[in-house]
Amino acid sequence: MKIQPKEPLSAECVKQLRAISDTMELLSGKWKIQIIGTLLRGGTMRFMELKRAINGIAAKKLSSDLQELELNKLITRTIKNTKPITVEYTLTEHGKTLDNLIGEVIDWGINHRTEIIKK
């Protein structure tokens, strides 16, 4: 039996796969989607408010992920001139565009948990 060579992927398909890869790379890991979801639902938050809201995240990991999200223009970090100094995090307009994606992740997770625990 002779195997037929497959057609090369279309330019549109390659573009879509690159977009998936870019998104997954940016939002990879256990915490980034939770950080974004928390800021979407909670608005502007201080570092310790975020840490308390996201169960189980270490301060070092939260700090690292916040820096990466800021670098990618998804959040802004504002230093308030208070004593002691207060640092607040909020989603940028670009970061807020993830609202639909986060909503879909929430819906899928709820449906998946329901499916798994059916008896």
PDB file of N, CA and C in Angstrom:
ATOM      1  N   MET A   1       0.847  -1.177   0.000  1.00  0.00           N
ATOM      2  CA  MET A   1       0.000   0.000   0.000  1.00  0.00           C
ATOM      3  C   MET A   1       0.889   1.236   0.000  1.00  0.00           C
ATOM      4  N   LYS A   2       0.647   2.115  -0.914  1.00  0.00           N
ATOM      5  CA  LYS A   2       1.426   3.335  -1.038  1.00  0.00           C
ATOM      6  C   LYS A   2       0.750   4.446  -0.233  1.00  0.00           C
ATOM      7  N   ILE A   3       1.525   5.109   0.607  1.00  0.00           N
ATOM      8  CA  ILE A   3       0.994   6.205   1.416  1.00  0.00           C
ATOM      9  C   ILE A   3       1.085   7.496   0.611  1.00  0.00           C
ATOM     10  N   GLN A   4      -0.031   8.173   0.544  1.00  0.00           N
ATOM     11  CA  GLN A   4      -0.081   9.448  -0.165  1.00  0.00           C
ATOM     12  C   GLN A   4       0.536  10.546   0.693  1.00  0.00           C
ATOM     13  N   PRO A   5       1.396  11.375   0.100  1.00  0.00           N
ATOM     14  CA  PRO A   5       1.931  12.492   0.886  1.00  0.00           C
ATOM     15  C   PRO A   5       0.806  13.474   1.222  1.00  0.00           C
ATOM     16  N   LYS A   6       0.889  14.008   2.411  1.00  0.00           N
ATOM     17  CA  LYS A   6      -0.142  14.968   2.829  1.00  0.00           C
ATOM     18  C   LYS A   6       0.116  16.328   2.201  1.00  0.00           C
ATOM     19  N   GLU A   7      -0.964  17.039   2.006  1.00  0.00           N
ATOM     20  CA  GLU A   7      -0.869  18.401   1.505  1.00  0.00           C
ATOM     21  C   GLU A   7      -0.213  19.280   2.569  1.00  0.00           C
ATOM     22  N   PRO A   8       0.607  20.230   2.167  1.00  0.00           N
ATOM     23  CA  PRO A   8       1.157  21.151   3.166  1.00  0.00           C
ATOM     24  C   PRO A   8       0.022  21.996   3.758  1.00  0.00           C
ATOM     25  N   LEU A   9       0.232  22.429   4.978  1.00  0.00           N
ATOM     26  CA  LEU A   9      -0.783  23.259   5.636  1.00  0.00           C
ATOM     27  C   LEU A   9      -0.928  24.580   4.901  1.00  0.00           C
ATOM     28  N   SER A  10      -2.155  25.069   4.865  1.00  0.00           N
ATOM     29  CA  SER A  10      -2.395  26.355   4.217  1.00  0.00           C
ATOM     30  C   SER A  10      -1.775  27.472   5.046  1.00  0.00           C
ATOM     31  N   ALA A  11      -1.552  28.613   4.421  1.00  0.00           N
ATOM     32  CA  ALA A  11      -0.995  29.772   5.118  1.00  0.00           C
ATOM     33  C   ALA A  11      -1.904  30.190   6.268  1.00  0.00           C
ATOM     34  N   GLU A  12      -3.213  30.086   6.067  1.00  0.00           N
ATOM     35  CA  GLU A  12      -4.168  30.451   7.129  1.00  0.00           C
ATOM     36  C   GLU A  12      -4.048  29.501   8.307  1.00  0.00           C
ATOM     37  N   CYS A  13      -3.903  28.217   8.027  1.00  0.00           N
ATOM     38  CA  CYS A  13      -3.749  27.224   9.089  1.00  0.00           C
ATOM     39  C   CYS A  13      -2.458  27.478   9.871  1.00  0.00           C
ATOM     40  N   VAL A  14      -1.369  27.764   9.172  1.00  0.00           N
ATOM     41  CA  VAL A  14      -0.089  28.075   9.827  1.00  0.00           C
ATOM     42  C   VAL A  14      -0.239  29.314  10.712  1.00  0.00           C
ATOM     43  N   LYS A  15      -0.938  30.318  10.211  1.00  0.00           N
ATOM     44  CA  LYS A  15      -1.177  31.543  10.985  1.00  0.00           C
ATOM     45  C   LYS A  15      -1.975  31.233  12.253  1.00  0.00           C
ATOM     46  N   GLN A  16      -2.996  30.410  12.131  1.00  0.00           N
ATOM     47  CA  GLN A  16      -3.819  30.049  13.286  1.00  0.00           C
ATOM     48  C   GLN A  16      -3.028  29.242  14.306  1.00  0.00           C
ATOM     49  N   LEU A  17      -2.204  28.319  13.843  1.00  0.00           N
ATOM     50  CA  LEU A  17      -1.382  27.521  14.754  1.00  0.00           C
ATOM     51  C   LEU A  17      -0.361  28.398  15.483  1.00  0.00           C
ATOM     52  N   ARG A  18       0.192  29.380  14.786  1.00  0.00           N
ATOM     53  CA  ARG A  18       1.113  30.331  15.422  1.00  0.00           C
ATOM     54  C   ARG A  18       0.383  31.147  16.485  1.00  0.00           C
ATOM     55  N   ALA A  19      -0.838  31.542  16.202  1.00  0.00           N
ATOM     56  CA  ALA A  19      -1.634  32.305  17.173  1.00  0.00           C
ATOM     57  C   ALA A  19      -1.912  31.466  18.420  1.00  0.00           C
ATOM     58  N   ILE A  20      -2.237  30.189  18.229  1.00  0.00           N
ATOM     59  CA  ILE A  20      -2.443  29.296  19.376  1.00  0.00           C
ATOM     60  C   ILE A  20      -1.160  29.191  20.188  1.00  0.00           C
ATOM     61  N   SER A  21      -0.053  29.002  19.507  1.00  0.00           N
ATOM     62  CA  SER A  21       1.241  28.875  20.182  1.00  0.00           C
ATOM     63  C   SER A  21       1.578  30.144  20.969  1.00  0.00           C
ATOM     64  N   ASP A  22       1.388  31.305  20.353  1.00  0.00           N
ATOM     65  CA  ASP A  22       1.660  32.585  21.027  1.00  0.00           C
ATOM     66  C   ASP A  22       0.808  32.736  22.283  1.00  0.00           C
ATOM     67  N   THR A  23      -0.474  32.413  22.163  1.00  0.00           N
ATOM     68  CA  THR A  23      -1.400  32.537  23.291  1.00  0.00           C
ATOM     69  C   THR A  23      -1.022  31.576  24.408  1.00  0.00           C
ATOM     70  N   MET A  24      -0.750  30.327  24.049  1.00  0.00           N
ATOM     71  CA  MET A  24      -0.399  29.329  25.057  1.00  0.00           C
ATOM     72  C   MET A  24       0.909  29.668  25.748  1.00  0.00           C
ATOM     73  N   GLU A  25       1.868  30.182  24.998  1.00  0.00           N
ATOM     74  CA  GLU A  25       3.141  30.567  25.602  1.00  0.00           C
ATOM     75  C   GLU A  25       2.942  31.702  26.599  1.00  0.00           C
ATOM     76  N   LEU A  26       2.151  32.688  26.220  1.00  0.00           N
ATOM     77  CA  LEU A  26       1.904  33.834  27.095  1.00  0.00           C
ATOM     78  C   LEU A  26       1.121  33.445  28.344  1.00  0.00           C
ATOM     79  N   LEU A  27       0.116  32.589  28.188  1.00  0.00           N
ATOM     80  CA  LEU A  27      -0.766  32.254  29.309  1.00  0.00           C
ATOM     81  C   LEU A  27      -0.420  30.919  29.960  1.00  0.00           C
ATOM     82  N   SER A  28       0.738  30.364  29.626  1.00  0.00           N
ATOM     83  CA  SER A  28       1.110  29.054  30.147  1.00  0.00           C
ATOM     84  C   SER A  28       1.334  29.080  31.652  1.00  0.00           C
ATOM     85  N   GLY A  29       1.311  27.905  32.219  1.00  0.00           N
ATOM     86  CA  GLY A  29       1.530  27.780  33.649  1.00  0.00           C
ATOM     87  C   GLY A  29       0.214  27.716  34.398  1.00  0.00           C
ATOM     88  N   LYS A  30       0.357  27.471  35.660  1.00  0.00           N
ATOM     89  CA  LYS A  30      -0.798  27.248  36.520  1.00  0.00           C
ATOM     90  C   LYS A  30      -1.488  28.546  36.940  1.00  0.00           C
ATOM     91  N   TRP A  31      -0.764  29.674  36.913  1.00  0.00           N
ATOM     92  CA  TRP A  31      -1.249  30.854  37.620  1.00  0.00           C
ATOM     93  C   TRP A  31      -1.685  32.037  36.761  1.00  0.00           C
ATOM     94  N   LYS A  32      -1.151  32.216  35.581  1.00  0.00           N
ATOM     95  CA  LYS A  32      -1.414  33.456  34.830  1.00  0.00           C
ATOM     96  C   LYS A  32      -2.890  33.666  34.525  1.00  0.00           C
ATOM     97  N   ILE A  33      -3.571  32.612  34.108  1.00  0.00           N
ATOM     98  CA  ILE A  33      -5.001  32.758  33.819  1.00  0.00           C
ATOM     99  C   ILE A  33      -5.755  33.086  35.105  1.00  0.00           C
ATOM    100  N   GLN A  34      -5.333  32.506  36.220  1.00  0.00           N
ATOM    101  CA  GLN A  34      -5.982  32.816  37.500  1.00  0.00           C
ATOM    102  C   GLN A  34      -5.731  34.264  37.907  1.00  0.00           C
ATOM    103  N   ILE A  35      -4.524  34.766  37.662  1.00  0.00           N
ATOM    104  CA  ILE A  35      -4.213  36.172  37.967  1.00  0.00           C
ATOM    105  C   ILE A  35      -5.103  37.082  37.129  1.00  0.00           C
ATOM    106  N   ILE A  36      -5.169  36.816  35.838  1.00  0.00           N
ATOM    107  CA  ILE A  36      -5.984  37.649  34.942  1.00  0.00           C
ATOM    108  C   ILE A  36      -7.456  37.555  35.328  1.00  0.00           C
ATOM    109  N   GLY A  37      -7.940  36.348  35.591  1.00  0.00           N
ATOM    110  CA  GLY A  37      -9.331  36.169  35.999  1.00  0.00           C
ATOM    111  C   GLY A  37      -9.645  36.901  37.288  1.00  0.00           C
ATOM    112  N   THR A  38      -8.720  36.883  38.233  1.00  0.00           N
ATOM    113  CA  THR A  38      -8.917  37.582  39.506  1.00  0.00           C
ATOM    114  C   THR A  38      -8.996  39.085  39.284  1.00  0.00           C
ATOM    115  N   LEU A  39      -8.125  39.619  38.444  1.00  0.00           N
ATOM    116  CA  LEU A  39      -8.164  41.053  38.160  1.00  0.00           C
ATOM    117  C   LEU A  39      -9.388  41.440  37.333  1.00  0.00           C
ATOM    118  N   LEU A  40      -9.834  40.540  36.458  1.00  0.00           N
ATOM    119  CA  LEU A  40     -11.073  40.810  35.708  1.00  0.00           C
ATOM    120  C   LEU A  40     -12.264  40.911  36.648  1.00  0.00           C
ATOM    121  N   ARG A  41     -12.322  40.015  37.630  1.00  0.00           N
ATOM    122  CA  ARG A  41     -13.467  39.984  38.540  1.00  0.00           C
ATOM    123  C   ARG A  41     -13.299  40.942  39.720  1.00  0.00           C
ATOM    124  N   GLY A  42     -12.053  41.180  40.152  1.00  0.00           N
ATOM    125  CA  GLY A  42     -11.813  41.986  41.352  1.00  0.00           C
ATOM    126  C   GLY A  42     -11.382  43.413  41.101  1.00  0.00           C
ATOM    127  N   GLY A  43     -11.060  43.744  39.857  1.00  0.00           N
ATOM    128  CA  GLY A  43     -10.591  45.091  39.552  1.00  0.00           C
ATOM    129  C   GLY A  43      -9.165  45.300  40.049  1.00  0.00           C
ATOM    130  N   THR A  44      -8.811  46.543  40.291  1.00  0.00           N
ATOM    131  CA  THR A  44      -7.475  46.888  40.771  1.00  0.00           C
ATOM    132  C   THR A  44      -7.236  46.262  42.139  1.00  0.00           C
ATOM    133  N   MET A  45      -6.071  45.635  42.286  1.00  0.00           N
ATOM    134  CA  MET A  45      -5.762  44.958  43.541  1.00  0.00           C
ATOM    135  C   MET A  45      -4.303  45.184  43.915  1.00  0.00           C
ATOM    136  N   ARG A  46      -4.044  45.168  45.211  1.00  0.00           N
ATOM    137  CA  ARG A  46      -2.677  45.205  45.723  1.00  0.00           C
ATOM    138  C   ARG A  46      -2.096  43.803  45.657  1.00  0.00           C
ATOM    139  N   PHE A  47      -0.767  43.739  45.789  1.00  0.00           N
ATOM    140  CA  PHE A  47      -0.060  42.473  45.707  1.00  0.00           C
ATOM    141  C   PHE A  47      -0.613  41.449  46.696  1.00  0.00           C
ATOM    142  N   MET A  48      -0.722  41.824  47.962  1.00  0.00           N
ATOM    143  CA  MET A  48      -1.180  40.863  48.977  1.00  0.00           C
ATOM    144  C   MET A  48      -2.647  40.495  48.802  1.00  0.00           C
ATOM    145  N   GLU A  49      -3.448  41.403  48.247  1.00  0.00           N
ATOM    146  CA  GLU A  49      -4.841  41.052  47.943  1.00  0.00           C
ATOM    147  C   GLU A  49      -4.885  39.954  46.880  1.00  0.00           C
ATOM    148  N   LEU A  50      -4.038  40.107  45.869  1.00  0.00           N
ATOM    149  CA  LEU A  50      -3.957  39.082  44.831  1.00  0.00           C
ATOM    150  C   LEU A  50      -3.473  37.757  45.411  1.00  0.00           C
ATOM    151  N   LYS A  51      -2.444  37.823  46.237  1.00  0.00           N
ATOM    152  CA  LYS A  51      -1.888  36.607  46.827  1.00  0.00           C
ATOM    153  C   LYS A  51      -2.934  35.873  47.655  1.00  0.00           C
ATOM    154  N   ARG A  52      -3.724  36.610  48.435  1.00  0.00           N
ATOM    155  CA  ARG A  52      -4.783  35.983  49.237  1.00  0.00           C
ATOM    156  C   ARG A  52      -5.903  35.424  48.361  1.00  0.00           C
ATOM    157  N   ALA A  53      -6.201  36.107  47.278  1.00  0.00           N
ATOM    158  CA  ALA A  53      -7.308  35.691  46.408  1.00  0.00           C
ATOM    159  C   ALA A  53      -6.972  34.443  45.594  1.00  0.00           C
ATOM    160  N   ILE A  54      -5.681  34.247  45.302  1.00  0.00           N
ATOM    161  CA  ILE A  54      -5.259  33.113  44.472  1.00  0.00           C
ATOM    162  C   ILE A  54      -4.666  32.060  45.391  1.00  0.00           C
ATOM    163  N   ASN A  55      -5.478  31.103  45.735  1.00  0.00           N
ATOM    164  CA  ASN A  55      -5.118  30.083  46.715  1.00  0.00           C
ATOM    165  C   ASN A  55      -3.903  29.274  46.272  1.00  0.00           C
ATOM    166  N   GLY A  56      -2.840  29.294  47.084  1.00  0.00           N
ATOM    167  CA  GLY A  56      -1.686  28.441  46.863  1.00  0.00           C
ATOM    168  C   GLY A  56      -0.521  29.044  46.108  1.00  0.00           C
ATOM    169  N   ILE A  57      -0.672  30.241  45.570  1.00  0.00           N
ATOM    170  CA  ILE A  57       0.433  30.835  44.814  1.00  0.00           C
ATOM    171  C   ILE A  57       1.486  31.384  45.772  1.00  0.00           C
ATOM    172  N   ALA A  58       2.747  31.140  45.461  1.00  0.00           N
ATOM    173  CA  ALA A  58       3.853  31.674  46.255  1.00  0.00           C
ATOM    174  C   ALA A  58       4.110  33.123  45.844  1.00  0.00           C
ATOM    175  N   ALA A  59       4.563  33.921  46.777  1.00  0.00           N
ATOM    176  CA  ALA A  59       4.826  35.344  46.515  1.00  0.00           C
ATOM    177  C   ALA A  59       5.817  35.519  45.368  1.00  0.00           C
ATOM    178  N   LYS A  60       6.857  34.696  45.347  1.00  0.00           N
ATOM    179  CA  LYS A  60       7.874  34.804  44.302  1.00  0.00           C
ATOM    180  C   LYS A  60       7.279  34.514  42.924  1.00  0.00           C
ATOM    181  N   LYS A  61       6.427  33.502  42.840  1.00  0.00           N
ATOM    182  CA  LYS A  61       5.790  33.147  41.567  1.00  0.00           C
ATOM    183  C   LYS A  61       4.809  34.235  41.138  1.00  0.00           C
ATOM    184  N   LEU A  62       4.033  34.751  42.079  1.00  0.00           N
ATOM    185  CA  LEU A  62       3.103  35.836  41.768  1.00  0.00           C
ATOM    186  C   LEU A  62       3.861  37.038  41.220  1.00  0.00           C
ATOM    187  N   SER A  63       4.947  37.388  41.882  1.00  0.00           N
ATOM    188  CA  SER A  63       5.761  38.524  41.441  1.00  0.00           C
ATOM    189  C   SER A  63       6.307  38.302  40.036  1.00  0.00           C
ATOM    190  N   SER A  64       6.821  37.111  39.783  1.00  0.00           N
ATOM    191  CA  SER A  64       7.376  36.774  38.476  1.00  0.00           C
ATOM    192  C   SER A  64       6.310  36.830  37.383  1.00  0.00           C
ATOM    193  N   ASP A  65       5.150  36.228  37.645  1.00  0.00           N
ATOM    194  CA  ASP A  65       4.074  36.232  36.645  1.00  0.00           C
ATOM    195  C   ASP A  65       3.529  37.631  36.411  1.00  0.00           C
ATOM    196  N   LEU A  66       3.425  38.433  37.466  1.00  0.00           N
ATOM    197  CA  LEU A  66       2.970  39.822  37.298  1.00  0.00           C
ATOM    198  C   LEU A  66       3.938  40.596  36.414  1.00  0.00           C
ATOM    199  N   GLN A  67       5.232  40.388  36.608  1.00  0.00           N
ATOM    200  CA  GLN A  67       6.228  41.067  35.774  1.00  0.00           C
ATOM    201  C   GLN A  67       6.085  40.664  34.314  1.00  0.00           C
ATOM    202  N   GLU A  68       5.874  39.370  34.074  1.00  0.00           N
ATOM    203  CA  GLU A  68       5.722  38.893  32.698  1.00  0.00           C
ATOM    204  C   GLU A  68       4.439  39.429  32.062  1.00  0.00           C
ATOM    205  N   LEU A  69       3.356  39.463  32.826  1.00  0.00           N
ATOM    206  CA  LEU A  69       2.097  40.011  32.302  1.00  0.00           C
ATOM    207  C   LEU A  69       2.220  41.501  32.022  1.00  0.00           C
ATOM    208  N   GLU A  70       2.980  42.204  32.853  1.00  0.00           N
ATOM    209  CA  GLU A  70       3.219  43.632  32.619  1.00  0.00           C
ATOM    210  C   GLU A  70       4.065  43.829  31.359  1.00  0.00           C
ATOM    211  N   LEU A  71       5.095  43.030  31.204  1.00  0.00           N
ATOM    212  CA  LEU A  71       5.957  43.093  30.018  1.00  0.00           C
ATOM    213  C   LEU A  71       5.153  42.885  28.739  1.00  0.00           C
ATOM    214  N   ASN A  72       4.135  42.032  28.820  1.00  0.00           N
ATOM    215  CA  ASN A  72       3.286  41.747  27.659  1.00  0.00           C
ATOM    216  C   ASN A  72       2.067  42.661  27.568  1.00  0.00           C
ATOM    217  N   LYS A  73       2.078  43.727  28.341  1.00  0.00           N
ATOM    218  CA  LYS A  73       1.068  44.792  28.274  1.00  0.00           C
ATOM    219  C   LYS A  73      -0.339  44.331  28.619  1.00  0.00           C
ATOM    220  N   LEU A  74      -0.436  43.316  29.499  1.00  0.00           N
ATOM    221  CA  LEU A  74      -1.746  42.849  29.935  1.00  0.00           C
ATOM    222  C   LEU A  74      -2.160  43.484  31.254  1.00  0.00           C
ATOM    223  N   ILE A  75      -1.193  43.892  32.056  1.00  0.00           N
ATOM    224  CA  ILE A  75      -1.490  44.574  33.314  1.00  0.00           C
ATOM    225  C   ILE A  75      -0.593  45.798  33.454  1.00  0.00           C
ATOM    226  N   THR A  76      -1.028  46.702  34.309  1.00  0.00           N
ATOM    227  CA  THR A  76      -0.184  47.831  34.678  1.00  0.00           C
ATOM    228  C   THR A  76       0.088  47.766  36.171  1.00  0.00           C
ATOM    229  N   ARG A  77       1.263  48.207  36.528  1.00  0.00           N
ATOM    230  CA  ARG A  77       1.716  48.244  37.914  1.00  0.00           C
ATOM    231  C   ARG A  77       1.850  49.703  38.280  1.00  0.00           C
ATOM    232  N   THR A  78       1.115  50.120  39.321  1.00  0.00           N
ATOM    233  CA  THR A  78       1.133  51.514  39.747  1.00  0.00           C
ATOM    234  C   THR A  78       1.682  51.589  41.166  1.00  0.00           C
ATOM    235  N   ILE A  79       2.709  52.413  41.334  1.00  0.00           N
ATOM    236  CA  ILE A  79       3.295  52.625  42.660  1.00  0.00           C
ATOM    237  C   ILE A  79       2.675  53.886  43.235  1.00  0.00           C
ATOM    238  N   LYS A  80       2.005  53.742  44.376  1.00  0.00           N
ATOM    239  CA  LYS A  80       1.352  54.868  45.046  1.00  0.00           C
ATOM    240  C   LYS A  80       2.340  55.507  46.025  1.00  0.00           C
ATOM    241  N   ASN A  81       2.314  56.814  46.122  1.00  0.00           N
ATOM    242  CA  ASN A  81       3.204  57.555  47.008  1.00  0.00           C
ATOM    243  C   ASN A  81       2.606  57.600  48.412  1.00  0.00           C
ATOM    244  N   THR A  82       2.587  56.438  49.049  1.00  0.00           N
ATOM    245  CA  THR A  82       2.049  56.320  50.401  1.00  0.00           C
ATOM    246  C   THR A  82       3.152  55.784  51.307  1.00  0.00           C
ATOM    247  N   LYS A  83       2.902  55.807  52.594  1.00  0.00           N
ATOM    248  CA  LYS A  83       3.837  55.211  53.549  1.00  0.00           C
ATOM    249  C   LYS A  83       3.112  54.131  54.312  1.00  0.00           C
ATOM    250  N   PRO A  84       3.490  52.877  54.224  1.00  0.00           N
ATOM    251  CA  PRO A  84       4.500  52.380  53.287  1.00  0.00           C
ATOM    252  C   PRO A  84       4.012  52.458  51.845  1.00  0.00           C
ATOM    253  N   ILE A  85       4.925  52.320  50.915  1.00  0.00           N
ATOM    254  CA  ILE A  85       4.584  52.397  49.489  1.00  0.00           C
ATOM    255  C   ILE A  85       3.582  51.292  49.145  1.00  0.00           C
ATOM    256  N   THR A  86       2.578  51.664  48.383  1.00  0.00           N
ATOM    257  CA  THR A  86       1.550  50.731  47.937  1.00  0.00           C
ATOM    258  C   THR A  86       1.724  50.483  46.443  1.00  0.00           C
ATOM    259  N   VAL A  87       1.655  49.219  46.043  1.00  0.00           N
ATOM    260  CA  VAL A  87       1.726  48.862  44.625  1.00  0.00           C
ATOM    261  C   VAL A  87       0.402  48.217  44.246  1.00  0.00           C
ATOM    262  N   GLU A  88      -0.196  48.718  43.171  1.00  0.00           N
ATOM    263  CA  GLU A  88      -1.478  48.200  42.698  1.00  0.00           C
ATOM    264  C   GLU A  88      -1.324  47.663  41.280  1.00  0.00           C
ATOM    265  N   TYR A  89      -2.120  46.644  41.003  1.00  0.00           N
ATOM    266  CA  TYR A  89      -2.120  46.012  39.679  1.00  0.00           C
ATOM    267  C   TYR A  89      -3.524  46.091  39.108  1.00  0.00           C
ATOM    268  N   THR A  90      -3.572  46.400  37.822  1.00  0.00           N
ATOM    269  CA  THR A  90      -4.855  46.444  37.137  1.00  0.00           C
ATOM    270  C   THR A  90      -4.666  45.975  35.701  1.00  0.00           C
ATOM    271  N   LEU A  91      -5.714  45.473  35.102  1.00  0.00           N
ATOM    272  CA  LEU A  91      -5.642  45.047  33.706  1.00  0.00           C
ATOM    273  C   LEU A  91      -5.620  46.266  32.792  1.00  0.00           C
ATOM    274  N   THR A  92      -4.846  46.170  31.733  1.00  0.00           N
ATOM    275  CA  THR A  92      -4.878  47.186  30.688  1.00  0.00           C
ATOM    276  C   THR A  92      -6.110  46.928  29.814  1.00  0.00           C
ATOM    277  N   GLU A  93      -6.385  47.843  28.913  1.00  0.00           N
ATOM    278  CA  GLU A  93      -7.475  47.601  27.958  1.00  0.00           C
ATOM    279  C   GLU A  93      -7.178  46.349  27.135  1.00  0.00           C
ATOM    280  N   HIS A  94      -5.916  46.164  26.797  1.00  0.00           N
ATOM    281  CA  HIS A  94      -5.513  44.959  26.059  1.00  0.00           C
ATOM    282  C   HIS A  94      -5.758  43.714  26.911  1.00  0.00           C
ATOM    283  N   GLY A  95      -5.437  43.781  28.183  1.00  0.00           N
ATOM    284  CA  GLY A  95      -5.666  42.654  29.090  1.00  0.00           C
ATOM    285  C   GLY A  95      -7.142  42.329  29.231  1.00  0.00           C
ATOM    286  N   LYS A  96      -7.973  43.356  29.217  1.00  0.00           N
ATOM    287  CA  LYS A  96      -9.420  43.142  29.354  1.00  0.00           C
ATOM    288  C   LYS A  96     -10.009  42.409  28.156  1.00  0.00           C
ATOM    289  N   THR A  97      -9.289  42.392  27.035  1.00  0.00           N
ATOM    290  CA  THR A  97      -9.791  41.660  25.866  1.00  0.00           C
ATOM    291  C   THR A  97      -9.776  40.154  26.106  1.00  0.00           C
ATOM    292  N   LEU A  98      -9.150  39.707  27.187  1.00  0.00           N
ATOM    293  CA  LEU A  98      -9.149  38.284  27.538  1.00  0.00           C
ATOM    294  C   LEU A  98     -10.413  37.866  28.288  1.00  0.00           C
ATOM    295  N   ASP A  99     -11.315  38.805  28.540  1.00  0.00           N
ATOM    296  CA  ASP A  99     -12.517  38.507  29.314  1.00  0.00           C
ATOM    297  C   ASP A  99     -13.322  37.350  28.720  1.00  0.00           C
ATOM    298  N   ASN A 100     -13.556  37.375  27.411  1.00  0.00           N
ATOM    299  CA  ASN A 100     -14.331  36.292  26.780  1.00  0.00           C
ATOM    300  C   ASN A 100     -13.612  34.957  26.888  1.00  0.00           C
ATOM    301  N   LEU A 101     -12.295  34.965  26.681  1.00  0.00           N
ATOM    302  CA  LEU A 101     -11.519  33.731  26.785  1.00  0.00           C
ATOM    303  C   LEU A 101     -11.581  33.175  28.211  1.00  0.00           C
ATOM    304  N   ILE A 102     -11.407  34.026  29.194  1.00  0.00           N
ATOM    305  CA  ILE A 102     -11.468  33.594  30.600  1.00  0.00           C
ATOM    306  C   ILE A 102     -12.874  33.075  30.914  1.00  0.00           C
ATOM    307  N   GLY A 103     -13.888  33.759  30.416  1.00  0.00           N
ATOM    308  CA  GLY A 103     -15.269  33.301  30.614  1.00  0.00           C
ATOM    309  C   GLY A 103     -15.488  31.922  30.030  1.00  0.00           C
ATOM    310  N   GLU A 104     -14.936  31.663  28.844  1.00  0.00           N
ATOM    311  CA  GLU A 104     -15.051  30.341  28.222  1.00  0.00           C
ATOM    312  C   GLU A 104     -14.315  29.286  29.045  1.00  0.00           C
ATOM    313  N   VAL A 105     -13.146  29.642  29.578  1.00  0.00           N
ATOM    314  CA  VAL A 105     -12.389  28.708  30.422  1.00  0.00           C
ATOM    315  C   VAL A 105     -13.196  28.374  31.678  1.00  0.00           C
ATOM    316  N   ILE A 106     -13.820  29.391  32.280  1.00  0.00           N
ATOM    317  CA  ILE A 106     -14.660  29.173  33.464  1.00  0.00           C
ATOM    318  C   ILE A 106     -15.821  28.241  33.123  1.00  0.00           C
ATOM    319  N   ASP A 107     -16.539  28.551  32.050  1.00  0.00           N
ATOM    320  CA  ASP A 107     -17.689  27.723  31.656  1.00  0.00           C
ATOM    321  C   ASP A 107     -17.267  26.288  31.373  1.00  0.00           C
ATOM    322  N   TRP A 108     -16.166  26.130  30.639  1.00  0.00           N
ATOM    323  CA  TRP A 108     -15.699  24.794  30.314  1.00  0.00           C
ATOM    324  C   TRP A 108     -15.320  24.040  31.585  1.00  0.00           C
ATOM    325  N   GLY A 109     -14.630  24.710  32.503  1.00  0.00           N
ATOM    326  CA  GLY A 109     -14.215  24.070  33.752  1.00  0.00           C
ATOM    327  C   GLY A 109     -15.407  23.625  34.595  1.00  0.00           C
ATOM    328  N   ILE A 110     -16.429  24.456  34.665  1.00  0.00           N
ATOM    329  CA  ILE A 110     -17.638  24.094  35.416  1.00  0.00           C
ATOM    330  C   ILE A 110     -18.315  22.890  34.766  1.00  0.00           C
ATOM    331  N   ASN A 111     -18.463  22.918  33.443  1.00  0.00           N
ATOM    332  CA  ASN A 111     -19.092  21.796  32.730  1.00  0.00           C
ATOM    333  C   ASN A 111     -18.259  20.519  32.842  1.00  0.00           C
ATOM    334  N   HIS A 112     -16.962  20.655  32.770  1.00  0.00           N
ATOM    335  CA  HIS A 112     -16.078  19.496  32.877  1.00  0.00           C
ATOM    336  C   HIS A 112     -16.185  18.859  34.263  1.00  0.00           C
ATOM    337  N   ARG A 113     -16.157  19.692  35.297  1.00  0.00           N
ATOM    338  CA  ARG A 113     -16.275  19.161  36.665  1.00  0.00           C
ATOM    339  C   ARG A 113     -17.607  18.429  36.824  1.00  0.00           C
ATOM    340  N   THR A 114     -18.679  19.002  36.273  1.00  0.00           N
ATOM    341  CA  THR A 114     -19.999  18.364  36.344  1.00  0.00           C
ATOM    342  C   THR A 114     -19.979  17.020  35.628  1.00  0.00           C
ATOM    343  N   GLU A 115     -19.358  16.982  34.438  1.00  0.00           N
ATOM    344  CA  GLU A 115     -19.279  15.747  33.662  1.00  0.00           C
ATOM    345  C   GLU A 115     -18.490  14.669  34.409  1.00  0.00           C
ATOM    346  N   ILE A 116     -17.416  15.057  35.024  1.00  0.00           N
ATOM    347  CA  ILE A 116     -16.543  14.099  35.702  1.00  0.00           C
ATOM    348  C   ILE A 116     -17.191  13.515  36.955  1.00  0.00           C
ATOM    349  N   ILE A 117     -17.970  14.340  37.685  1.00  0.00           N
ATOM    350  CA  ILE A 117     -18.535  13.850  38.946  1.00  0.00           C
ATOM    351  C   ILE A 117     -19.924  13.225  38.791  1.00  0.00           C
ATOM    352  N   LYS A 118     -20.412  13.119  37.544  1.00  0.00           N
ATOM    353  CA  LYS A 118     -21.706  12.442  37.323  1.00  0.00           C
ATOM    354  C   LYS A 118     -21.611  11.010  37.832  1.00  0.00           C
ATOM    355  N   LYS A 119     -22.724  10.500  38.343  1.00  0.00           N
ATOM    356  CA  LYS A 119     -22.712   9.108  38.825  1.00  0.00           C
ATOM    357  C   LYS A 119     -23.570   8.239  37.978  1.00  0.00           C
TER     358      LYS A 119
END
